[in-house]
Protein backbone atom coordinates (compact mmCIF):
# COMPACT_ATOMS: atom_id res chain seq x y z
CA UNK A 1 66.31 49.66 138.12
CA UNK A 2 65.50 49.18 134.44
CA UNK A 3 65.13 51.97 131.92
CA UNK A 4 65.13 50.80 128.32
CA UNK A 5 67.23 52.21 125.51
CA UNK A 6 63.87 53.00 123.90
CA UNK A 7 62.83 55.01 126.95
CA UNK A 8 65.97 57.14 126.81
CA UNK A 9 65.92 57.48 123.02
CA UNK A 10 62.44 58.22 121.68
CA UNK A 11 61.59 59.20 118.12
CA UNK A 12 59.55 62.35 118.21
CA UNK A 13 59.22 65.96 117.13
CA UNK A 14 60.80 69.27 118.05
CA UNK A 15 61.34 71.60 119.62
CA UNK A 16 61.10 70.14 123.15
CA UNK A 17 60.69 66.67 124.62
CA UNK A 18 59.28 68.07 127.87
CA UNK A 19 57.17 70.82 126.33
CA UNK A 20 56.19 69.39 122.95
CA UNK A 21 56.42 65.59 123.01
CA UNK A 22 55.32 65.25 126.64
CA UNK A 23 52.09 67.24 126.29
CA UNK A 24 51.24 65.37 123.08
CA UNK A 25 51.78 62.06 124.88
CA UNK A 26 49.69 63.29 127.83
CA UNK A 27 46.85 64.20 125.47
CA UNK A 28 46.99 60.75 123.90
CA UNK A 29 46.78 59.17 127.35
CA UNK A 30 43.81 61.36 128.22
CA UNK A 31 41.99 60.26 125.07
CA UNK A 32 42.56 56.64 126.12
CA UNK A 33 41.13 57.50 129.54
CA UNK A 34 38.07 58.98 127.87
CA UNK A 35 37.62 55.93 125.63
CA UNK A 36 37.57 53.70 128.71
CA UNK A 37 35.06 55.94 130.53
CA UNK A 38 31.27 55.39 130.60
CA UNK A 39 30.56 59.13 130.37
CA UNK A 40 29.20 60.91 127.33
CA UNK A 41 31.60 63.69 126.41
CA UNK A 42 30.95 66.85 124.43
CA UNK A 43 34.07 69.00 124.80
CA UNK A 44 37.67 69.37 125.91
CA UNK A 45 39.78 71.90 127.81
CA UNK A 46 43.48 72.11 128.65
CA UNK A 47 45.35 74.17 131.22
CA UNK A 48 49.14 74.64 131.19
CA UNK A 49 51.04 75.52 134.37
CA UNK A 50 54.55 76.43 135.52
CA UNK A 51 57.26 76.09 132.92
CA UNK A 52 54.76 74.71 130.39
CA UNK A 53 52.90 78.02 130.62
CA UNK A 54 55.89 80.37 130.68
CA UNK A 55 57.67 78.89 127.64
CA UNK A 56 54.70 77.09 126.13
CA UNK A 57 54.30 79.24 123.03
CA UNK A 58 58.01 79.18 122.23
CA UNK A 59 58.09 75.43 122.70
CA UNK A 60 54.84 74.87 120.77
CA UNK A 61 53.22 73.32 123.86
CA UNK A 62 49.80 74.63 122.91
CA UNK A 63 50.17 73.30 119.37
CA UNK A 64 51.33 69.89 120.61
CA UNK A 65 48.48 69.64 123.13
CA UNK A 66 45.86 70.53 120.54
CA UNK A 67 47.26 68.02 118.07
CA UNK A 68 47.46 65.38 120.80
CA UNK A 69 43.80 65.90 121.62
CA UNK A 70 43.08 65.47 117.90
CA UNK A 71 44.78 62.07 117.96
CA UNK A 72 48.36 62.80 116.88
CA UNK A 73 51.29 61.02 118.58
CA UNK A 74 55.03 61.85 118.31
CA UNK A 75 56.25 58.57 116.86
CA UNK A 76 54.06 58.74 113.74
CA UNK A 77 53.79 62.53 113.47
CA UNK A 78 53.21 63.90 109.95
CA UNK A 79 53.71 67.68 109.69
CA UNK A 80 51.52 68.19 106.60
CA UNK A 81 48.61 66.35 108.22
CA UNK A 82 49.18 68.27 111.43
CA UNK A 83 49.00 71.64 109.69
CA UNK A 84 45.78 70.64 107.96
CA UNK A 85 44.32 69.45 111.26
CA UNK A 86 45.21 72.69 113.04
CA UNK A 87 43.56 74.75 110.32
CA UNK A 88 40.41 72.62 110.54
CA UNK A 89 40.31 72.87 114.36
CA UNK A 90 40.68 76.65 114.22
CA UNK A 91 37.78 76.84 111.78
CA UNK A 92 35.37 74.30 113.29
CA UNK A 93 36.30 74.67 116.98
CA UNK A 94 36.21 70.88 117.29
CA UNK A 95 38.38 67.76 117.26
CA UNK A 96 37.42 64.25 116.18
CA UNK A 97 39.83 61.73 117.72
CA UNK A 98 39.38 58.11 116.72
CA UNK A 99 36.96 56.18 118.92
CA UNK A 100 35.32 59.30 120.38
CA UNK A 101 32.56 61.64 119.20
CA UNK A 102 33.34 65.02 117.70
CA UNK A 103 34.28 67.21 120.67
CA UNK A 104 34.03 70.98 121.03
CA UNK A 105 37.44 72.59 121.41
CA UNK A 106 38.12 76.24 120.70
CA UNK A 107 41.91 76.78 120.88
CA UNK A 108 41.50 80.43 121.88
CA UNK A 109 39.11 79.72 124.76
CA UNK A 110 39.87 76.16 125.80
CA UNK A 111 43.71 76.25 125.66
CA UNK A 112 44.57 78.06 128.91
CA UNK A 113 47.98 79.38 129.97
CA UNK A 114 47.88 79.68 133.75
CA UNK A 115 50.93 81.72 134.80
CA UNK A 116 49.79 82.19 138.38
CA UNK A 117 49.19 78.67 139.69
CA UNK A 118 51.99 76.12 139.66
CA UNK A 119 51.05 72.51 140.20
CA UNK A 120 52.78 70.87 143.18
CA UNK A 121 54.31 67.79 141.59
CA UNK A 122 56.67 69.20 138.96
CA UNK A 123 57.46 72.42 137.10
CA UNK A 124 55.95 70.96 133.90
CA UNK A 125 52.32 70.49 134.87
CA UNK A 126 49.11 70.42 132.84
CA UNK A 127 45.45 69.62 133.46
CA UNK A 128 43.31 68.00 130.78
CA UNK A 129 39.53 68.12 131.16
CA UNK A 130 36.54 66.63 129.35
CA UNK A 131 33.13 68.26 129.60
CA UNK A 132 29.52 67.26 129.13
CA UNK A 133 26.91 68.95 126.92
CA UNK A 134 26.39 71.62 129.60
CA UNK A 135 30.07 72.49 129.65
CA UNK A 136 30.65 70.98 133.09
CA UNK A 137 33.90 69.08 133.69
CA UNK A 138 33.12 65.39 134.17
CA UNK A 139 36.63 63.95 133.71
CA UNK A 140 39.87 65.58 134.83
CA UNK A 141 43.46 64.40 134.97
CA UNK A 142 46.68 66.15 136.01
CA UNK A 143 49.78 65.19 134.02
CA UNK A 144 53.43 66.03 134.56
CA UNK A 145 55.97 66.04 131.74
CA UNK A 146 59.05 65.04 133.70
CA UNK A 147 61.72 65.24 131.00
CA UNK A 148 62.75 63.33 127.91
CA UNK A 149 59.16 62.78 126.80
CA UNK A 150 58.27 60.89 130.00
CA UNK A 151 54.78 61.64 131.30
CA UNK A 152 53.26 60.73 134.67
CA UNK A 153 49.82 61.36 136.14
CA UNK A 154 49.73 63.05 139.53
CA UNK A 155 48.87 59.65 141.06
CA UNK A 156 51.82 57.93 139.36
CA UNK A 157 54.16 60.69 140.48
CA UNK A 158 52.91 60.45 144.06
CA UNK A 159 53.38 56.68 144.03
CA UNK A 160 56.92 57.06 142.71
CA UNK A 161 56.08 54.99 139.65
CA UNK A 162 58.86 52.50 139.02
CA UNK A 163 60.55 51.68 135.75
CA UNK A 164 60.86 48.06 136.85
CA UNK A 165 57.48 46.74 135.67
CA UNK A 166 58.11 43.50 133.84
CA UNK A 167 60.33 40.42 134.11
CA UNK A 168 63.46 40.71 136.27
CA UNK A 169 66.65 41.76 134.51
CA UNK A 170 70.03 40.10 135.11
CA UNK A 171 71.88 43.33 135.91
CA UNK A 172 69.57 45.69 137.89
CA UNK A 173 72.14 48.36 138.81
CA UNK A 174 70.83 51.49 140.54
CA UNK A 175 74.12 53.40 140.70
CA UNK A 176 77.40 53.66 138.85
CA UNK A 177 79.11 51.88 141.74
CA UNK A 178 76.73 48.92 141.41
CA UNK A 179 77.20 48.96 137.64
CA UNK A 180 80.97 48.67 138.00
CA UNK A 181 80.66 45.97 140.66
CA UNK A 182 78.37 43.89 138.43
CA UNK A 183 80.67 44.40 135.48
CA UNK A 184 83.68 43.22 137.44
CA UNK A 185 81.86 40.20 138.87
CA UNK A 186 80.43 39.13 135.51
CA UNK A 187 83.36 40.04 133.28
CA UNK A 188 80.94 41.85 130.98
CA UNK A 189 81.11 45.36 129.57
CA UNK A 190 78.45 47.95 130.38
CA UNK A 191 77.00 47.48 126.89
CA UNK A 192 76.86 43.70 127.31
CA UNK A 193 75.04 43.98 130.63
CA UNK A 194 72.64 46.55 129.23
CA UNK A 195 71.97 44.37 126.16
CA UNK A 196 71.13 41.38 128.36
CA UNK A 197 68.74 43.57 130.35
CA UNK A 198 67.04 44.73 127.13
CA UNK A 199 66.70 41.19 125.80
CA UNK A 200 65.23 40.04 129.13
CA UNK A 201 62.39 42.51 128.50
CA UNK A 202 62.07 41.88 124.75
CA UNK A 203 63.98 39.91 122.16
CA UNK A 204 67.34 40.24 120.45
CA UNK A 205 65.87 40.72 116.98
CA UNK A 206 63.46 43.49 117.93
CA UNK A 207 66.18 45.25 119.92
CA UNK A 208 68.59 45.17 116.98
CA UNK A 209 65.94 46.56 114.62
CA UNK A 210 64.89 49.22 117.11
CA UNK A 211 68.41 50.45 117.79
CA UNK A 212 69.17 50.53 114.06
CA UNK A 213 66.11 52.71 113.54
CA UNK A 214 67.23 55.08 116.28
CA UNK A 215 70.53 55.75 114.55
CA UNK A 216 68.80 56.00 111.17
CA UNK A 217 66.50 58.75 112.48
CA UNK A 218 69.40 60.51 114.24
CA UNK A 219 71.61 60.43 111.16
CA UNK A 220 68.79 61.48 108.84
CA UNK A 221 68.21 64.44 111.12
CA UNK A 222 71.88 65.40 110.81
CA UNK A 223 71.71 65.12 107.02
CA UNK A 224 68.58 67.27 106.77
CA UNK A 225 70.15 69.91 108.97
CA UNK A 226 73.34 69.96 106.92
CA UNK A 227 71.39 70.57 103.71
CA UNK A 228 68.79 73.10 104.89
CA UNK A 229 69.24 76.84 105.33
CA UNK A 230 66.91 79.75 106.01
CA UNK A 231 65.41 81.39 109.10
CA UNK A 232 64.16 79.37 112.06
CA UNK A 233 60.53 79.94 113.12
CA UNK A 234 59.56 81.74 116.31
CA UNK A 235 60.32 85.40 115.73
CA UNK A 236 63.97 85.67 116.79
CA UNK A 237 65.05 85.56 113.13
CA UNK A 238 67.84 83.11 113.96
CA UNK A 239 69.51 81.99 110.76
CA UNK A 240 70.40 78.36 110.25
CA UNK A 241 74.19 78.04 110.23
CA UNK A 242 74.90 74.34 109.89
CA UNK A 243 74.65 74.18 106.10
CA UNK A 244 77.01 77.11 105.57
CA UNK A 245 79.59 75.73 108.01
CA UNK A 246 79.32 72.25 106.50
CA UNK A 247 79.73 73.55 102.94
CA UNK A 248 82.81 75.52 104.01
CA UNK A 249 84.32 72.49 105.76
CA UNK A 250 83.79 70.37 102.65
CA UNK A 251 85.37 73.04 100.44
CA UNK A 252 88.44 73.22 102.68
CA UNK A 253 89.12 69.48 102.52
CA UNK A 254 92.37 68.69 100.73
CA UNK A 255 93.44 72.35 100.58
CA UNK A 256 95.87 72.18 103.53
CA UNK A 257 93.91 74.95 105.20
CA UNK A 258 92.70 72.99 108.19
CA UNK A 259 94.20 73.64 111.59
CA UNK A 260 93.97 70.66 113.95
CA UNK A 261 91.19 72.33 115.94
CA UNK A 262 88.96 72.32 112.85
CA UNK A 263 87.75 68.90 114.02
CA UNK A 264 85.81 70.82 116.67
CA UNK A 265 83.89 72.52 113.86
CA UNK A 266 82.88 69.12 112.48
CA UNK A 267 81.57 68.02 115.86
CA UNK A 268 79.73 71.29 116.33
CA UNK A 269 78.17 71.31 112.88
CA UNK A 270 76.72 67.82 113.32
CA UNK A 271 75.15 68.86 116.63
CA UNK A 272 73.91 72.20 115.31
CA UNK A 273 72.33 70.47 112.32
CA UNK A 274 70.20 68.35 114.66
CA UNK A 275 69.20 71.21 116.92
CA UNK A 276 68.31 73.47 114.03
CA UNK A 277 66.01 70.69 112.80
CA UNK A 278 64.60 70.40 116.31
CA UNK A 279 64.01 74.15 116.50
CA UNK A 280 62.12 73.93 113.20
CA UNK A 281 59.83 71.21 114.59
CA UNK A 282 61.44 68.36 112.66
CA UNK A 283 61.74 64.70 113.58
CA UNK A 284 64.44 64.06 116.19
CA UNK A 285 65.38 61.48 118.80
CA UNK A 286 65.44 62.42 122.48
CA UNK A 287 69.03 61.96 123.64
CA UNK A 288 67.98 62.21 126.41
CA UNK A 289 65.80 65.25 125.56
CA UNK A 290 64.99 67.30 122.47
CA UNK A 291 66.86 70.35 123.73
CA UNK A 292 69.96 68.15 124.03
CA UNK A 293 69.21 65.99 120.99
CA UNK A 294 72.26 67.04 118.96
CA UNK A 295 75.12 66.17 121.30
CA UNK A 296 75.05 62.37 121.22
CA UNK A 297 74.37 61.96 117.45
CA UNK A 298 77.20 64.43 116.78
CA UNK A 299 79.68 62.39 118.79
CA UNK A 300 78.55 59.13 117.19
CA UNK A 301 78.81 60.68 113.71
CA UNK A 302 82.26 62.03 114.65
CA UNK A 303 83.30 58.51 115.64
CA UNK A 304 82.03 56.94 112.41
CA UNK A 305 83.38 59.58 110.02
CA UNK A 306 86.57 60.79 111.67
CA UNK A 307 88.02 58.09 113.92
CA UNK A 308 90.31 55.61 112.14
CA UNK A 309 89.09 52.04 112.46
CA UNK A 310 85.54 53.00 113.46
CA UNK A 311 82.97 50.26 112.86
CA UNK A 312 79.24 50.60 112.24
CA UNK A 313 78.79 47.40 114.24
CA UNK A 314 79.76 49.46 117.31
CA UNK A 315 76.70 51.74 117.03
CA UNK A 316 74.63 49.43 119.20
CA UNK A 317 77.28 49.34 121.93
CA UNK A 318 77.51 53.13 121.82
CA UNK A 319 73.75 53.51 122.32
CA UNK A 320 73.59 50.83 125.01
CA UNK A 321 76.40 52.38 127.03
CA UNK A 322 74.97 55.88 126.66
CA UNK A 323 71.52 54.69 127.73
CA UNK A 324 72.96 53.02 130.82
CA UNK A 325 74.51 56.32 131.93
CA UNK A 326 71.39 58.30 131.04
CA UNK A 327 69.27 55.91 133.06
CA UNK A 328 71.44 56.46 136.13
CA UNK A 329 71.11 60.23 135.78
CA UNK A 330 67.36 60.10 135.35
CA UNK A 331 66.86 57.61 138.21
CA UNK A 332 69.08 59.43 140.70
CA UNK A 333 68.67 63.07 139.62
CA UNK A 334 66.89 64.49 136.57
CA UNK A 335 67.07 64.98 132.81
CA UNK A 336 64.54 67.84 132.89
CA UNK A 337 65.63 71.43 132.31
CA UNK A 338 62.51 72.64 134.09
CA UNK A 339 63.53 70.65 137.15
CA UNK A 340 67.32 71.07 137.26
CA UNK A 341 68.42 73.49 134.54
CA UNK A 342 70.41 72.71 131.41
CA UNK A 343 72.95 70.69 133.40
CA UNK A 344 70.25 68.02 133.44
CA UNK A 345 69.77 68.11 129.67
CA UNK A 346 72.95 69.03 127.82
CA UNK A 347 75.10 67.93 130.75
CA UNK A 348 73.47 64.51 130.79
CA UNK A 349 73.74 64.26 127.00
CA UNK A 350 77.45 65.05 127.13
CA UNK A 351 78.01 62.41 129.81
CA UNK A 352 76.08 59.82 127.81
CA UNK A 353 77.99 60.62 124.62
CA UNK A 354 81.35 60.57 126.40
CA UNK A 355 80.58 57.15 127.85
CA UNK A 356 79.45 55.78 124.49
CA UNK A 357 82.53 57.03 122.69
CA UNK A 358 84.89 55.76 125.37
CA UNK A 359 83.26 52.32 125.19
CA UNK A 360 83.52 51.91 121.41
CA UNK A 361 87.12 53.10 121.48
CA UNK A 362 88.05 50.23 123.77
CA UNK A 363 87.61 51.80 127.18
CA UNK A 364 87.19 49.63 130.26
CA UNK A 365 84.01 50.01 132.33
CA UNK A 366 86.02 52.09 134.80
CA UNK A 367 87.22 54.38 132.00
CA UNK A 368 83.68 54.67 130.66
CA UNK A 369 82.40 55.71 134.08
CA UNK A 370 85.27 58.21 134.32
CA UNK A 371 84.41 59.68 130.90
CA UNK A 372 80.80 60.23 131.94
CA UNK A 373 81.92 61.77 135.22
CA UNK A 374 84.27 64.24 133.53
CA UNK A 375 81.66 65.38 131.04
CA UNK A 376 78.87 65.82 133.59
CA UNK A 377 81.09 67.45 136.23
CA UNK A 378 81.95 70.30 133.90
CA UNK A 379 78.33 71.11 133.13
CA UNK A 380 77.32 71.46 136.79
CA UNK A 381 75.31 74.61 137.46
CA UNK A 382 74.39 75.27 133.83
CA UNK A 383 71.10 77.15 133.66
CA UNK A 384 68.23 76.72 131.22
CA UNK A 385 67.45 80.21 129.94
CA UNK A 386 66.16 80.03 126.35
CA UNK A 387 65.61 83.43 124.78
CA UNK A 388 61.90 84.00 124.10
CA UNK A 389 61.26 80.44 125.27
CA UNK A 390 62.58 79.07 121.98
CA UNK A 391 64.97 76.11 121.82
CA UNK A 392 67.41 78.17 119.76
CA UNK A 393 69.56 80.57 121.76
CA UNK A 394 71.71 79.36 123.47
CA UNK A 395 70.55 75.78 122.91
CA UNK A 396 71.80 75.13 119.36
CA UNK A 397 75.43 76.15 119.92
CA UNK A 398 75.39 74.64 123.41
CA UNK A 399 74.88 71.18 121.92
CA UNK A 400 77.97 71.65 119.76
CA UNK A 401 80.11 72.63 122.74
CA UNK A 402 78.73 69.69 124.73
CA UNK A 403 79.78 67.33 121.93
CA UNK A 404 83.30 68.74 122.05
CA UNK A 405 83.36 68.30 125.84
CA UNK A 406 82.16 64.71 125.44
CA UNK A 407 84.97 63.80 123.06
CA UNK A 408 87.52 65.53 125.30
CA UNK A 409 86.17 63.70 128.35
CA UNK A 410 86.37 60.33 126.60
CA UNK A 411 89.90 61.06 125.44
CA UNK A 412 91.04 62.07 128.92
CA UNK A 413 89.48 58.97 130.43
CA UNK A 414 91.19 56.74 127.87
CA UNK A 415 94.53 58.31 128.83
CA UNK A 416 94.01 57.08 132.39
CA UNK A 417 93.43 53.71 134.00
CA UNK A 418 89.89 54.38 135.21
CA UNK A 419 90.86 55.43 138.71
CA UNK A 420 89.83 58.98 139.55
CA UNK A 421 89.04 61.22 142.51
CA UNK A 422 85.34 62.05 142.00
CA UNK A 423 82.95 59.13 141.33
CA UNK A 424 80.11 59.55 138.81
CA UNK A 425 77.54 58.89 141.54
CA UNK A 426 78.84 61.92 143.49
CA UNK A 427 78.53 64.15 140.42
CA UNK A 428 74.98 62.95 139.74
CA UNK A 429 74.00 63.66 143.34
CA UNK A 430 75.67 67.07 143.15
CA UNK A 431 73.66 67.83 140.02
CA UNK A 432 70.47 66.86 141.83
CA UNK A 433 71.28 69.11 144.78
CA UNK A 434 72.32 71.99 142.50
CA UNK A 435 69.07 71.68 140.55
CA UNK A 436 67.09 71.70 143.80
CA UNK A 437 68.84 74.87 144.96
CA UNK A 438 68.75 76.65 141.60
CA UNK A 439 66.38 79.62 141.41
CA UNK A 440 63.26 78.85 139.42
CA UNK A 441 63.94 81.67 136.95
CA UNK A 442 66.94 79.72 135.67
CA UNK A 443 64.96 76.53 135.04
CA UNK A 444 63.26 76.76 131.63
CA UNK A 445 60.94 79.62 132.48
CA UNK A 446 62.68 82.28 130.34
CA UNK A 447 62.49 84.60 133.36
CA UNK A 448 66.25 84.90 133.93
CA UNK A 449 69.71 84.70 132.40
CA UNK A 450 70.10 85.20 128.67
CA UNK A 451 66.35 85.15 128.27
CA UNK A 452 66.04 88.59 129.90
CA UNK A 453 69.43 90.07 128.98
CA UNK A 454 69.22 89.54 125.23
CA UNK A 455 66.67 91.45 123.12
CA UNK A 456 63.82 89.19 122.01
CA UNK A 457 63.41 90.81 118.64
C-alpha cells in the first residue's frame, strides 16, 4: 500500500476538503472527460446528493462546483479571480473553461441539491452532466468525494481503485503491525521507510521541495489566522478568536502571569488560527482533511516554538511519520466525516500529529505507534455535527483540543517503552466499525447533535 505525503497533505481551499476541494477536483476531472470526448457540448448541469446536498451551502459545495466547471482548481485557487468569475457566471449564465466552447450554465437552475436520493457508493456523491444544444444529457459521470480531497468515479470506487499504481516501493506496509515488523527488520525509522517509499515514486529533490512547501503553506495559514479578526462568513456570526487570544498570550510573556497549563492555550490558538482561515475560505493544507486542518500544524508549530532543542530539519520527519499513520487510517478505515463522523477527521489528525511529535522527540517506532493509538482511541465515537453545515461550531475549537490530546498522547508514549495493551490496528478497525454503525444524522449531515440543538442564528 502506497499513499504519498502529497496525497495526505494537499494544498487547497476552505472550508471542507470533502465538500469544497473534492467537488472542485471532480469538476476539473469532468472537464477533462469532456475535452477527450467527440461530442459537441452546449451546456452543463450538476446534482449534489447525500451529505454534499445537506451541508452543501454551508460548505460552499455549490460555489466550488461552479468554479470547478469554470476551470478553477484548488492548488492554484485565486479568490479575487474566483469572485469575478462567479459574478460573470451569474450574469451570463455561462462558463468558458479552457479547451471547451462557452457552455450554458445557470447556477439557479443547473446546480441541483437533491435531498431525497442518496447515491449508493458514498455519502458524498455528485453527478456532473454535459448537454447538447437541445438540452439533452449526452455525457454523465458520477463522482464520490471520499475524504481529504480524494475523488473517485463510481467505476473507480466499484473497482476498489488502488493507491499502488507506479513502481514498487521498498516498504509496502498495509498495517501498523507490518510497519513495525519492517522497521525492526530494516533498522529504519518510520520516517526513513516512508521517505524511501516517496523517493521510489519520485526523487529526493522534488520531495524535499514539496514537503518544504507544505509546511510553508501551513505556517502561513497559522500566521494569517493569528493576525486577522472579524466575523466569519455563513450567518452564524461567529467571531474570530485566535488573534485576541494570541495578542493576550504575547502580552503575558515575561509578566510571571502564566500558569503551566497556559501552554494548552498556545496549542489551541495555533489550531484555531488555521481553522478560522479555513472557515473563511482561505488557503489551507488537508491534514488529513480541511475540517481537521489545524491540529497537525498546531502541534508542529508547538514543537518548533516551545520545545527546547527543536530543529527545523525535523519538519520532514514529522510530516513523513504523520503521513504514514494517516495512510493506514485511510486504507483500513476512513478519513471522511460523512462516512465515519469526526473521529475519522479530527481523530485521525490527532493520531497523525501525535505520531509526528513522538518521532521528532526521539521516540522509537513502537512509541510512535503507541502515540498514534492513544490519540485515536480517545476520539472514538466522535460525531460530525456542524451547526448550520458550517465548518465552525464545534470544528474550530475541536481542532485545538485535538492538538492538546496529540501532545499528551506523544508525551505518554515517550514515558513508556512502546509496549501497550491495545494495538493501533485494533483502534483503526474499531473506528471503522463505529463509523459503520453510527447513525447517518451524526455524519456530516447537520441533522443531529449540536447542529439541531444549538440555534442557527
